[in-house]
Structure formats: C-alpha cells, structure tokens
Amino acid sequence: MCGRFTLIATPESVAERFSLTEIDPFPPRYNIAPTQPILIIRKAEPDMRPRNASGRYGQLARWGLIPGWAKDPATLPLLFNARSETANERNSFKGAMRHRRCLVPASGFYEWRRNGKERSTPFFLKPRGEEPIAFAALAETFLAPDGSEIDTAAILTTSANAALSTIHERMPVVVEPHDFERWLDNREVSPAEVADILRPVSDAFFEIVPVSERVNAVANMGPDVQKPLNPDDPPTSPPAGQGRLF
C-alpha cells in the first residue's frame, strides 16, 4: 500500500520532469498523509485551452478519492489507495480508470513492517535517482450538495517487488517517463492498453532506509523524518494524541 509519501523535489524539477511550462510554487513536503492536498498531473481535455505543447497541467487534489456517485463521503471508507488489479472493475474506480487517469509526483514513500506483537518498523523507500518519480493515480471530482466541487485522487498499488516484499506485500505503481503520455491519454488509450504499466518496478529502483518512529505522527513534517535510523538510538515515540498510520 502507500499511506505516506514525500515530495521534496523543487517546482522547477517537477515542471521539467512532467513537461509543464508553468507550475505554482510549493514547499518541500516530507510526510504527506491521506486527506491532505497533493499535487496531481493531468492531461487537458480537447475543449480546454492548451497550457503547453504536452497538454499537461498540475492541480491540487484531496488525497482520498470520493466517487462521483457518493452522496455522503462521511459514510465511505477513505479511498487513498486503489488496487491496480481490480480498479477497472470496482464501481468506485472504474470511471476514473477509463476517463481520469493522472500522475502523482513524489520523492519516495514510507512503509511499515509488522513485527508480530511488537511495534511496526518504519522505512523510507527512496528512489536511487535524484529526479522526482510518478505514481499512477486516479482522479475524481465530487460535487457536494451545496454545489461546491472537491477534486480528489487515489494512488494505484501493485504487488511488491522482491526487495520490498520483506517489508510489505504491496507498493505504489511507479510510471516510467516514457509511459507518461500513454497513461495520461484518457481519450485515445483504454485501460486495457495501459495494463502493462501496472507492474512493480525493478528490485534496484528503491533504496530501503530504516527511519525513526517520528514519521508515524502526521504532525512531524520536517526533514528529520527521513533521517536514517541509527541502530544505537532508542526508538522515539510520537507525542501523546498524535495520529498514527497503523
């Protein structure tokens, strides 16, 4: 799964990576959690004024997809992930899979390894390259009863590769740059034609970095959450009352 991730790349590097001519400035974010706003990359529809030669643009969306048919989001589970194997079959995701595929820029993600009855161990999964990576995602705009619109998104997951399977059985789908256009082309490319993208990356793609339990608390948003854990340091617990992922 993917329940926390990070985007510390500069706006300029994101714009270059995703062929955007403009992007609003944003600060580095070290501990992004569900329900928070995230940056997504989409391709403009034909009736939209082209923003650049690629037709791509960035926008903010709530991390946690709300299906268009939902009447009261409070009654739904928080859909921040979608299983890529079944997204095209589930009512919550199949419309977005066909018409609203998008990308989520990221600089890595966090995962927790369960240790029986002991506390779970957090890890930072860091791409070995310096450039931002892209998670496959789905977008949906929810129309609230008061007429307001909420842009939302979910990140697609797949089976973990051999390297990550020692930590968790799932991982986010990473879309390679040469597949960006095909994934974003909701008009001409069907879900069946992008099924080959929905696979684990190579075992060597991510560096696995043990980190402290500071990442467990959503309130901890500084770069220290990515600091490699010194095995000689005692575990650090989040302050009382802070949220935990698990």
Protein backbone atom coordinates (compact mmCIF):
# COMPACT_ATOMS: atom_id res chain seq x y z
CA MET A 1 0.00 0.00 0.00
CA CYS A 2 1.00 3.63 0.11
CA GLY A 3 -0.15 5.53 3.18
CA ARG A 4 2.54 8.21 3.39
CA PHE A 5 4.82 9.73 0.80
CA THR A 6 7.06 12.71 0.23
CA LEU A 7 7.64 15.37 -2.42
CA ILE A 8 10.79 17.35 -1.76
CA ALA A 9 11.73 17.98 -5.39
CA THR A 10 11.68 21.63 -6.44
CA PRO A 11 8.80 23.01 -8.50
CA GLU A 12 11.28 23.59 -11.33
CA SER A 13 12.38 19.94 -11.38
CA VAL A 14 8.76 18.76 -11.30
CA ALA A 15 7.89 21.07 -14.19
CA GLU A 16 10.82 19.75 -16.22
CA ARG A 17 10.11 16.11 -15.40
CA PHE A 18 6.45 16.34 -16.40
CA SER A 19 6.83 18.78 -19.32
CA LEU A 20 4.94 21.65 -17.68
CA THR A 21 5.58 25.21 -18.79
CA GLU A 22 4.28 26.60 -15.51
CA ILE A 23 3.56 25.38 -12.02
CA ASP A 24 2.58 27.14 -8.83
CA PRO A 25 5.36 27.24 -6.21
CA PHE A 26 5.17 24.76 -3.34
CA PRO A 27 7.35 23.94 -0.33
CA PRO A 28 9.11 20.60 0.25
CA ARG A 29 6.79 18.14 1.98
CA TYR A 30 8.36 15.32 3.96
CA ASN A 31 5.37 13.46 5.41
CA ILE A 32 2.24 13.65 3.23
CA ALA A 33 -0.77 11.81 4.66
CA PRO A 34 -4.26 10.89 3.40
CA THR A 35 -6.88 13.68 3.31
CA GLN A 36 -4.13 16.26 2.75
CA PRO A 37 -3.85 18.12 -0.59
CA ILE A 38 -1.47 16.55 -3.09
CA LEU A 39 -0.18 17.62 -6.49
CA ILE A 40 -1.51 15.63 -9.44
CA ILE A 41 -0.60 15.88 -13.12
CA ARG A 42 -3.35 15.62 -15.73
CA LYS A 43 -3.74 15.99 -19.47
CA ALA A 44 -6.07 18.71 -20.72
CA GLU A 45 -9.31 17.68 -22.40
CA PRO A 46 -9.77 18.76 -26.05
CA ASP A 47 -12.17 21.55 -25.08
CA MET A 48 -9.65 23.04 -22.62
CA ARG A 49 -7.24 25.74 -23.74
CA PRO A 50 -3.83 24.03 -24.17
CA ARG A 51 -1.44 25.09 -21.42
CA ASN A 52 1.67 23.85 -23.22
CA ALA A 53 2.73 21.57 -26.04
CA SER A 54 2.29 18.47 -23.88
CA GLY A 55 -1.21 19.49 -22.82
CA ARG A 56 -0.33 18.60 -19.22
CA TYR A 57 -1.05 20.66 -16.16
CA GLY A 58 -0.76 20.36 -12.39
CA GLN A 59 -3.54 20.81 -9.85
CA LEU A 60 -4.16 20.12 -6.20
CA ALA A 61 -6.47 17.32 -5.09
CA ARG A 62 -7.51 15.79 -1.79
CA TRP A 63 -5.67 12.52 -1.22
CA GLY A 64 -8.63 10.22 -0.81
CA LEU A 65 -10.89 9.62 -3.80
CA ILE A 66 -14.59 10.34 -3.45
CA PRO A 67 -16.60 8.56 -6.19
CA GLY A 68 -18.84 10.80 -8.24
CA TRP A 69 -21.90 8.78 -7.22
CA ALA A 70 -21.29 9.26 -3.46
CA LYS A 71 -23.99 11.15 -1.60
CA ASP A 72 -22.28 11.47 1.78
CA PRO A 73 -18.48 10.99 1.79
CA ALA A 74 -18.57 10.60 5.57
CA THR A 75 -20.21 7.19 5.12
CA LEU A 76 -17.44 5.89 2.83
CA PRO A 77 -14.05 4.40 3.70
CA LEU A 78 -11.05 6.59 2.93
CA LEU A 79 -10.05 5.55 -0.60
CA PHE A 80 -6.47 6.80 -0.73
CA ASN A 81 -5.24 3.63 -2.50
CA ALA A 82 -6.75 1.53 -5.28
CA ARG A 83 -5.63 -1.97 -6.20
CA SER A 84 -4.48 -1.80 -9.81
CA GLU A 85 -5.58 -5.40 -10.48
CA THR A 86 -9.25 -4.61 -9.81
CA ALA A 87 -9.57 -0.82 -10.31
CA ASN A 88 -11.21 -1.26 -13.69
CA GLU A 89 -13.90 -3.47 -12.15
CA ARG A 90 -14.83 -1.63 -8.95
CA ASN A 91 -17.62 0.94 -9.08
CA SER A 92 -15.55 3.38 -7.04
CA PHE A 93 -12.69 3.48 -9.57
CA LYS A 94 -13.70 2.17 -12.99
CA GLY A 95 -14.96 5.53 -14.30
CA ALA A 96 -11.76 7.25 -13.26
CA MET A 97 -9.68 4.40 -14.67
CA ARG A 98 -11.22 4.98 -18.07
CA HIS A 99 -11.54 8.76 -18.11
CA ARG A 100 -9.43 10.38 -15.37
CA ARG A 101 -6.02 8.72 -15.04
CA CYS A 102 -3.37 11.03 -13.59
CA LEU A 103 0.13 11.06 -12.09
CA VAL A 104 1.29 11.97 -8.59
CA PRO A 105 4.83 13.43 -8.40
CA ALA A 106 6.80 12.01 -5.46
CA SER A 107 10.29 11.78 -4.00
CA GLY A 108 9.67 8.45 -2.28
CA PHE A 109 7.26 6.85 0.17
CA TYR A 110 7.13 5.24 3.61
CA GLU A 111 6.14 1.74 4.58
CA TRP A 112 5.91 -0.15 7.86
CA ARG A 113 6.99 -3.73 8.52
CA ARG A 114 4.88 -5.52 11.06
CA ASN A 115 6.84 -7.37 13.73
CA GLY A 116 4.28 -9.67 15.29
CA LYS A 117 3.06 -8.07 18.51
CA GLU A 118 5.93 -5.60 18.59
CA ARG A 119 5.76 -2.07 17.22
CA SER A 120 5.90 -1.84 13.42
CA THR A 121 9.19 -0.64 11.94
CA PRO A 122 9.08 2.34 9.51
CA PHE A 123 11.17 2.56 6.35
CA PHE A 124 11.74 5.29 3.78
CA LEU A 125 11.67 3.92 0.23
CA LYS A 126 13.88 6.34 -1.64
CA PRO A 127 14.42 6.23 -5.42
CA ARG A 128 18.09 5.95 -6.30
CA GLY A 129 17.86 8.78 -8.84
CA GLU A 130 17.58 12.46 -7.93
CA GLU A 131 14.63 13.31 -10.18
CA PRO A 132 11.01 13.13 -8.97
CA ILE A 133 9.14 9.93 -9.75
CA ALA A 134 5.50 9.45 -10.70
CA PHE A 135 2.88 7.27 -9.03
CA ALA A 136 -0.03 6.07 -11.15
CA ALA A 137 -3.23 7.60 -9.81
CA LEU A 138 -6.90 8.21 -10.50
CA ALA A 139 -8.78 11.50 -10.16
CA GLU A 140 -12.43 12.25 -9.44
CA THR A 141 -14.31 15.48 -8.85
CA PHE A 142 -17.03 15.23 -6.23
CA LEU A 143 -19.96 17.61 -6.48
CA ALA A 144 -21.15 18.43 -2.96
CA PRO A 145 -24.83 19.11 -2.21
CA ASP A 146 -24.06 22.82 -1.76
CA GLY A 147 -22.72 22.99 -5.31
CA SER A 148 -19.03 23.11 -4.39
CA GLU A 149 -16.57 20.83 -6.16
CA ILE A 150 -13.83 18.79 -4.49
CA ASP A 151 -11.01 17.38 -6.62
CA THR A 152 -9.85 14.05 -5.17
CA ALA A 153 -7.36 11.32 -6.07
CA ALA A 154 -6.20 7.81 -5.16
CA ILE A 155 -2.80 6.19 -5.77
CA LEU A 156 -2.75 2.82 -7.52
CA THR A 157 -0.86 -0.06 -5.91
CA THR A 158 0.51 -3.37 -7.15
CA SER A 159 2.27 -6.39 -5.68
CA ALA A 160 5.59 -5.53 -4.04
CA ASN A 161 8.76 -6.47 -5.85
CA ALA A 162 11.14 -8.97 -4.24
CA ALA A 163 13.15 -6.28 -2.44
CA LEU A 164 10.15 -4.60 -0.84
CA SER A 165 8.19 -7.77 -0.13
CA THR A 166 10.22 -8.24 3.06
CA ILE A 167 8.50 -5.09 4.38
CA HIS A 168 5.01 -5.14 2.85
CA GLU A 169 3.10 -7.11 0.22
CA ARG A 170 2.00 -4.00 -1.75
CA MET A 171 3.70 -0.96 -3.26
CA PRO A 172 2.62 2.06 -5.34
CA VAL A 173 2.71 1.74 -9.12
CA VAL A 174 5.60 3.81 -10.49
CA VAL A 175 5.10 5.09 -14.05
CA GLU A 176 8.28 5.48 -16.08
CA PRO A 177 8.69 8.75 -18.05
CA HIS A 178 8.34 7.00 -21.42
CA ASP A 179 4.87 5.84 -20.31
CA PHE A 180 3.61 9.23 -19.04
CA GLU A 181 1.81 10.16 -22.25
CA ARG A 182 0.15 6.77 -22.71
CA TRP A 183 -1.04 6.72 -19.10
CA LEU A 184 -2.43 10.26 -19.23
CA ASP A 185 -4.17 9.84 -22.60
CA ASN A 186 -7.65 9.03 -21.34
CA ARG A 187 -9.22 9.93 -24.68
CA GLU A 188 -7.41 7.55 -27.01
CA VAL A 189 -5.93 4.88 -24.72
CA SER A 190 -8.17 2.39 -22.90
CA PRO A 191 -7.49 0.80 -19.51
CA ALA A 192 -6.62 -2.47 -21.26
CA GLU A 193 -3.91 -0.67 -23.23
CA VAL A 194 -2.16 0.58 -20.09
CA ALA A 195 -2.43 -2.65 -18.10
CA ASP A 196 1.24 -3.40 -18.74
CA ILE A 197 2.21 -0.22 -16.85
CA LEU A 198 0.63 -1.54 -13.66
CA ARG A 199 3.58 -3.63 -12.54
CA PRO A 200 6.24 -3.43 -9.80
CA VAL A 201 9.44 -1.54 -10.57
CA SER A 202 12.76 -3.37 -10.57
CA ASP A 203 14.23 -4.55 -7.28
CA ALA A 204 17.03 -1.98 -7.53
CA PHE A 205 14.77 1.03 -8.10
CA PHE A 206 14.33 1.98 -4.43
CA GLU A 207 16.84 2.27 -1.63
CA ILE A 208 15.35 0.95 1.62
CA VAL A 209 16.22 3.27 4.52
CA PRO A 210 15.18 2.47 8.13
CA VAL A 211 13.92 5.64 9.81
CA SER A 212 12.71 6.63 13.26
CA GLU A 213 9.15 6.43 14.53
CA ARG A 214 8.83 10.20 14.16
CA VAL A 215 7.29 9.55 10.75
CA ASN A 216 4.35 7.83 12.48
CA ALA A 217 2.95 11.19 13.60
CA VAL A 218 1.36 13.34 10.91
CA ALA A 219 2.41 16.43 12.89
CA ASN A 220 6.09 15.65 12.21
CA MET A 221 6.63 17.31 8.85
CA GLY A 222 10.33 18.19 8.84
CA PRO A 223 13.29 16.54 7.07
CA ASP A 224 14.21 14.65 10.25
CA VAL A 225 11.55 12.04 9.43
CA GLN A 226 13.81 10.88 6.57
CA LYS A 227 16.97 10.72 8.64
CA PRO A 228 18.42 7.18 8.55
CA LEU A 229 17.91 5.43 11.86
CA ASN A 230 21.00 4.85 13.96
CA PRO A 231 20.64 1.31 15.34
CA ASP A 232 22.18 2.54 18.60
CA ASP A 233 19.46 5.17 19.11
CA PRO A 234 16.40 4.20 21.22
CA PRO A 235 13.01 4.23 19.46
CA THR A 236 11.27 7.59 19.54
CA SER A 237 7.55 7.66 20.18
CA PRO A 238 5.19 10.31 18.76
CA PRO A 239 3.74 12.80 21.24
CA ALA A 240 0.60 11.69 23.03
CA GLY A 241 -2.53 12.27 21.00
CA GLN A 242 -0.78 12.46 17.61
CA GLY A 243 -2.20 10.44 14.73
CA ARG A 244 -0.66 7.15 13.64
CA LEU A 245 -0.95 5.33 10.35
CA PHE A 246 -1.49 1.92 11.84
